[in-house]
Amino acid sequence: MKIIKQELQFEKSLKQRIEFICEFSKVTPTFINGSIRKLEKTNLTYIEPHKVIIKNITFLIFNYSNDVYISNLTKKIKLSELEEYLKNI
């Protein structure tokens, strides 16, 4: 079975919001684009979220979402709460 990987680009406004929050928090983010993975000849698709690494913590983010996942998909916060979260770590 062949896996087809297609890279996704960060939504421009989402990336700007994260950069703005990081600027206020005086931290530097590292952005890694997510991807779509499809199994050839099936209808199975997996959307890998974008990754933002801040202070050695990986945050997972999907385009057009206001949620930010911390390290994995079990713990999430709102994007508006990210600045406060960064200040407390």
Protein backbone atom coordinates (compact mmCIF):
# COMPACT_ATOMS: atom_id res chain seq x y z
CA MET A 1 0.00 0.00 0.00
CA LYS A 2 1.31 3.43 -0.91
CA ILE A 3 0.94 6.51 1.31
CA ILE A 4 0.57 9.81 -0.51
CA LYS A 5 1.74 12.84 1.50
CA GLN A 6 0.66 16.36 0.59
CA GLU A 7 2.02 19.27 2.61
CA LEU A 8 -0.42 21.86 3.98
CA GLN A 9 0.43 25.53 4.35
CA PHE A 10 -0.36 27.51 7.49
CA GLU A 11 -3.38 29.74 7.13
CA LYS A 12 -1.85 33.22 6.87
CA SER A 13 -4.00 34.89 9.54
CA LEU A 14 -3.48 31.98 11.98
CA LYS A 15 0.30 32.19 11.61
CA GLN A 16 0.19 35.96 12.13
CA ARG A 17 -1.88 35.56 15.31
CA ILE A 18 0.59 33.05 16.74
CA GLU A 19 3.56 35.27 15.85
CA PHE A 20 1.81 38.21 17.50
CA ILE A 21 1.14 36.21 20.71
CA CYS A 22 4.75 35.01 20.79
CA GLU A 23 6.02 38.54 20.30
CA PHE A 24 4.04 39.69 23.33
CA SER A 25 5.36 36.74 25.34
CA LYS A 26 8.92 37.43 24.17
CA VAL A 27 9.44 33.92 22.76
CA THR A 28 10.40 32.67 19.31
CA PRO A 29 8.16 30.08 17.64
CA THR A 30 9.31 27.42 15.19
CA PHE A 31 6.67 26.52 12.58
CA ILE A 32 6.37 23.09 10.95
CA ASN A 33 3.70 22.63 8.28
CA GLY A 34 1.20 19.82 8.66
CA SER A 35 0.19 17.44 5.90
CA ILE A 36 -2.55 15.29 4.46
CA ARG A 37 -1.74 11.59 4.23
CA LYS A 38 -3.84 9.36 2.00
CA LEU A 39 -3.72 5.62 1.48
CA GLU A 40 -3.72 5.01 -2.24
CA LYS A 41 -6.80 3.22 -3.63
CA THR A 42 -8.77 3.78 -0.41
CA ASN A 43 -10.87 6.56 1.04
CA LEU A 44 -8.73 6.75 4.21
CA THR A 45 -7.20 10.15 4.92
CA TYR A 46 -5.31 11.54 7.92
CA ILE A 47 -4.76 15.23 8.49
CA GLU A 48 -1.53 15.83 10.40
CA PRO A 49 -1.79 19.12 12.31
CA HIS A 50 0.68 21.98 12.02
CA LYS A 51 3.29 22.06 14.75
CA VAL A 52 4.52 25.14 16.56
CA ILE A 53 7.43 24.64 18.92
CA ILE A 54 7.69 27.23 21.70
CA LYS A 55 9.96 26.84 24.73
CA ASN A 56 10.58 23.17 23.76
CA ILE A 57 6.84 22.42 23.89
CA THR A 58 5.09 21.23 20.74
CA PHE A 59 1.70 22.79 20.10
CA LEU A 60 -0.57 21.21 17.48
CA ILE A 61 -2.81 23.50 15.45
CA PHE A 62 -5.29 22.95 12.63
CA ASN A 63 -6.12 25.62 10.05
CA TYR A 64 -9.42 27.44 10.69
CA SER A 65 -9.54 26.29 14.32
CA ASN A 66 -9.40 28.34 17.51
CA ASP A 67 -8.06 25.44 19.56
CA VAL A 68 -4.40 24.77 20.35
CA TYR A 69 -3.43 21.25 21.44
CA ILE A 70 -0.54 20.85 23.87
CA SER A 71 1.88 18.01 22.99
CA ASN A 72 -0.94 15.70 21.81
CA LEU A 73 -4.63 15.82 20.98
CA THR A 74 -5.85 15.15 24.55
CA LYS A 75 -5.17 18.55 26.14
CA LYS A 76 -6.34 21.71 24.46
CA ILE A 77 -6.71 25.41 25.13
CA LYS A 78 -8.20 28.26 23.16
CA LEU A 79 -5.84 30.27 20.97
CA SER A 80 -6.82 33.34 22.98
CA GLU A 81 -5.44 31.61 26.13
CA LEU A 82 -2.05 30.80 24.56
CA GLU A 83 -0.36 34.00 25.75
CA GLU A 84 -1.35 33.34 29.37
CA TYR A 85 -0.25 29.71 29.08
CA LEU A 86 3.19 30.77 27.76
CA LYS A 87 3.64 33.22 30.62
CA ASN A 88 2.91 30.51 33.19
CA ILE A 89 5.44 27.97 31.93
